[in-house]
């Protein structure tokens, strides 16, 4: 485990929006990354869910990459 992962465990992640779905039915979903450790997460605003990104969610959408802070 490197120092950046330890900092995220101790102080929390530094999130930024990495991508949004290109499909119209994907509104309210965002792929979020951590600036520090590079961990991937997905946010669904409709159901108020924040989950680790996995291949099933990643393959479900066509992602349009962006970069902004939350």
N, C-alpha and C. Protein backbone atom coordinates (compact mmCIF):
# COMPACT_ATOMS: atom_id res chain seq x y z
N UNK A 1 0.85 -1.18 0.00
CA UNK A 1 0.00 0.00 0.00
C UNK A 1 0.90 1.24 0.00
N UNK A 2 0.61 2.16 -0.90
CA UNK A 2 1.46 3.34 -0.98
C UNK A 2 0.92 4.48 -0.11
N UNK A 3 1.68 5.53 0.02
CA UNK A 3 1.35 6.64 0.91
C UNK A 3 0.07 7.34 0.48
N UNK A 4 -0.19 7.41 -0.84
CA UNK A 4 -1.40 8.09 -1.32
C UNK A 4 -2.66 7.34 -0.89
N UNK A 5 -2.63 6.02 -0.94
CA UNK A 5 -3.79 5.24 -0.49
C UNK A 5 -3.99 5.39 1.01
N UNK A 6 -2.91 5.46 1.75
CA UNK A 6 -3.01 5.65 3.20
C UNK A 6 -3.61 7.02 3.51
N UNK A 7 -3.19 8.06 2.77
CA UNK A 7 -3.77 9.40 2.98
C UNK A 7 -5.27 9.39 2.70
N UNK A 8 -5.70 8.68 1.66
CA UNK A 8 -7.12 8.60 1.35
C UNK A 8 -7.89 7.86 2.44
N UNK A 9 -7.31 6.82 3.00
CA UNK A 9 -7.95 6.10 4.08
C UNK A 9 -8.09 7.01 5.31
N UNK A 10 -7.06 7.79 5.60
CA UNK A 10 -7.07 8.63 6.79
C UNK A 10 -7.92 9.89 6.63
N UNK A 11 -7.81 10.56 5.47
CA UNK A 11 -8.43 11.87 5.30
C UNK A 11 -9.54 11.91 4.26
N UNK A 12 -9.77 10.82 3.56
CA UNK A 12 -10.81 10.79 2.54
C UNK A 12 -10.25 11.06 1.15
N UNK A 13 -11.03 10.70 0.15
CA UNK A 13 -10.62 10.86 -1.24
C UNK A 13 -10.79 12.30 -1.71
N UNK A 14 -10.06 12.68 -2.76
CA UNK A 14 -10.23 13.97 -3.44
C UNK A 14 -10.88 13.66 -4.78
N UNK A 15 -12.19 13.85 -4.86
CA UNK A 15 -12.97 13.42 -6.02
C UNK A 15 -12.97 14.45 -7.14
N UNK A 16 -13.07 13.96 -8.37
CA UNK A 16 -13.40 14.77 -9.53
C UNK A 16 -14.22 13.92 -10.48
N UNK A 17 -15.10 14.57 -11.25
CA UNK A 17 -15.93 13.86 -12.21
C UNK A 17 -15.07 13.53 -13.41
N UNK A 18 -14.96 12.26 -13.72
CA UNK A 18 -14.12 11.77 -14.81
C UNK A 18 -14.91 11.64 -16.11
N UNK A 19 -16.17 11.15 -16.01
CA UNK A 19 -16.97 10.93 -17.21
C UNK A 19 -18.45 10.90 -16.87
N UNK A 20 -19.27 11.15 -17.89
CA UNK A 20 -20.72 11.03 -17.79
C UNK A 20 -21.19 10.15 -18.95
N UNK A 21 -22.31 9.46 -18.78
CA UNK A 21 -22.81 8.64 -19.88
C UNK A 21 -23.23 9.50 -21.07
N UNK A 22 -23.00 9.01 -22.26
CA UNK A 22 -23.39 9.72 -23.47
C UNK A 22 -24.88 9.54 -23.78
N UNK A 23 -25.50 8.48 -23.22
CA UNK A 23 -26.91 8.21 -23.50
C UNK A 23 -27.80 9.15 -22.70
N UNK A 24 -28.97 9.46 -23.26
CA UNK A 24 -29.90 10.35 -22.57
C UNK A 24 -30.50 9.68 -21.33
N UNK A 25 -30.62 8.36 -21.34
CA UNK A 25 -31.19 7.67 -20.18
C UNK A 25 -30.19 7.56 -19.03
N UNK A 26 -28.96 8.01 -19.23
CA UNK A 26 -27.94 7.95 -18.19
C UNK A 26 -27.80 9.24 -17.40
N UNK A 27 -28.78 10.16 -17.50
CA UNK A 27 -28.71 11.41 -16.74
C UNK A 27 -28.69 11.12 -15.25
N UNK A 28 -27.87 11.84 -14.52
CA UNK A 28 -27.78 11.66 -13.08
C UNK A 28 -26.73 10.65 -12.65
N UNK A 29 -26.01 10.08 -13.62
CA UNK A 29 -24.96 9.10 -13.32
C UNK A 29 -23.61 9.73 -13.67
N UNK A 30 -22.63 9.57 -12.78
CA UNK A 30 -21.29 10.12 -13.03
C UNK A 30 -20.23 9.13 -12.60
N UNK A 31 -19.18 9.05 -13.40
CA UNK A 31 -18.00 8.25 -13.06
C UNK A 31 -17.05 9.20 -12.35
N UNK A 32 -16.69 8.89 -11.12
CA UNK A 32 -15.87 9.76 -10.28
C UNK A 32 -14.56 9.07 -9.97
N UNK A 33 -13.47 9.83 -9.99
CA UNK A 33 -12.14 9.30 -9.66
C UNK A 33 -11.56 10.10 -8.50
N UNK A 34 -10.60 9.51 -7.83
CA UNK A 34 -9.86 10.19 -6.78
C UNK A 34 -8.56 10.73 -7.38
N UNK A 35 -8.31 12.02 -7.17
CA UNK A 35 -7.07 12.64 -7.64
C UNK A 35 -5.84 12.04 -6.99
N UNK A 36 -5.98 11.61 -5.75
CA UNK A 36 -4.85 11.14 -4.97
C UNK A 36 -4.46 9.71 -5.30
N UNK A 37 -5.40 8.77 -5.12
CA UNK A 37 -5.05 7.35 -5.26
C UNK A 37 -5.53 6.72 -6.56
N UNK A 38 -6.37 7.43 -7.32
CA UNK A 38 -6.82 6.91 -8.60
C UNK A 38 -7.98 5.94 -8.52
N UNK A 39 -8.62 5.80 -7.35
CA UNK A 39 -9.75 4.88 -7.20
C UNK A 39 -10.94 5.37 -8.03
N UNK A 40 -11.73 4.43 -8.55
CA UNK A 40 -12.89 4.74 -9.38
C UNK A 40 -14.19 4.46 -8.63
N UNK A 41 -15.15 5.38 -8.77
CA UNK A 41 -16.46 5.24 -8.16
C UNK A 41 -17.51 5.68 -9.15
N UNK A 42 -18.76 5.32 -8.88
CA UNK A 42 -19.88 5.79 -9.70
C UNK A 42 -20.92 6.38 -8.77
N UNK A 43 -21.52 7.50 -9.20
CA UNK A 43 -22.57 8.17 -8.44
C UNK A 43 -23.85 8.10 -9.26
N UNK A 44 -24.95 7.71 -8.60
CA UNK A 44 -26.27 7.77 -9.22
C UNK A 44 -27.11 8.71 -8.36
N UNK A 45 -27.40 9.89 -8.90
CA UNK A 45 -28.12 10.91 -8.14
C UNK A 45 -29.58 10.54 -7.91
N UNK A 46 -30.17 9.79 -8.82
CA UNK A 46 -31.59 9.45 -8.69
C UNK A 46 -31.87 8.58 -7.47
N UNK A 47 -31.01 7.63 -7.20
CA UNK A 47 -31.22 6.73 -6.05
C UNK A 47 -30.26 7.03 -4.91
N UNK A 48 -29.50 8.11 -5.06
CA UNK A 48 -28.53 8.55 -4.05
C UNK A 48 -27.55 7.43 -3.68
N UNK A 49 -26.93 6.87 -4.71
CA UNK A 49 -25.98 5.77 -4.51
C UNK A 49 -24.57 6.22 -4.89
N UNK A 50 -23.61 5.77 -4.12
CA UNK A 50 -22.19 6.02 -4.37
C UNK A 50 -21.49 4.69 -4.22
N UNK A 51 -21.04 4.10 -5.33
CA UNK A 51 -20.50 2.75 -5.34
C UNK A 51 -19.13 2.71 -5.99
N UNK A 52 -18.33 1.70 -5.64
CA UNK A 52 -17.08 1.49 -6.39
C UNK A 52 -17.41 1.12 -7.84
N UNK A 53 -16.65 1.64 -8.78
CA UNK A 53 -16.86 1.32 -10.19
C UNK A 53 -16.44 -0.12 -10.45
N UNK A 54 -17.25 -0.84 -11.21
CA UNK A 54 -16.88 -2.20 -11.61
C UNK A 54 -17.14 -2.36 -13.10
N UNK A 55 -16.73 -3.50 -13.66
CA UNK A 55 -16.82 -3.69 -15.10
C UNK A 55 -18.26 -3.74 -15.59
N UNK A 56 -19.21 -4.19 -14.76
CA UNK A 56 -20.61 -4.24 -15.19
C UNK A 56 -21.17 -2.84 -15.42
N UNK A 57 -20.90 -1.94 -14.50
CA UNK A 57 -21.37 -0.55 -14.65
C UNK A 57 -20.62 0.12 -15.79
N UNK A 58 -19.34 -0.12 -15.89
CA UNK A 58 -18.53 0.50 -16.93
C UNK A 58 -18.99 0.07 -18.32
N UNK A 59 -19.35 -1.20 -18.49
CA UNK A 59 -19.77 -1.70 -19.79
C UNK A 59 -21.23 -1.36 -20.12
N UNK A 60 -22.00 -0.94 -19.13
CA UNK A 60 -23.42 -0.64 -19.32
C UNK A 60 -23.63 0.66 -20.10
N UNK A 61 -22.67 1.57 -20.04
CA UNK A 61 -22.80 2.90 -20.65
C UNK A 61 -21.67 3.17 -21.63
N UNK A 62 -21.93 4.10 -22.54
CA UNK A 62 -20.88 4.70 -23.37
C UNK A 62 -20.50 5.98 -22.65
N UNK A 63 -19.26 6.09 -22.21
CA UNK A 63 -18.83 7.18 -21.35
C UNK A 63 -18.21 8.32 -22.15
N UNK A 64 -18.59 9.54 -21.81
CA UNK A 64 -18.04 10.76 -22.40
C UNK A 64 -17.14 11.39 -21.34
N UNK A 65 -15.83 11.39 -21.57
CA UNK A 65 -14.87 11.85 -20.56
C UNK A 65 -14.90 13.36 -20.40
N UNK A 66 -14.86 13.80 -19.15
CA UNK A 66 -14.74 15.21 -18.77
C UNK A 66 -13.84 15.25 -17.55
N UNK A 67 -13.49 16.44 -17.10
CA UNK A 67 -12.75 16.55 -15.84
C UNK A 67 -13.22 17.81 -15.13
N UNK A 68 -13.85 17.62 -13.99
CA UNK A 68 -14.27 18.74 -13.15
C UNK A 68 -14.25 18.27 -11.70
N UNK A 69 -14.10 19.21 -10.79
CA UNK A 69 -14.10 18.86 -9.38
C UNK A 69 -15.52 18.86 -8.86
N UNK A 70 -15.75 18.10 -7.82
CA UNK A 70 -17.10 18.05 -7.21
C UNK A 70 -17.16 19.06 -6.09
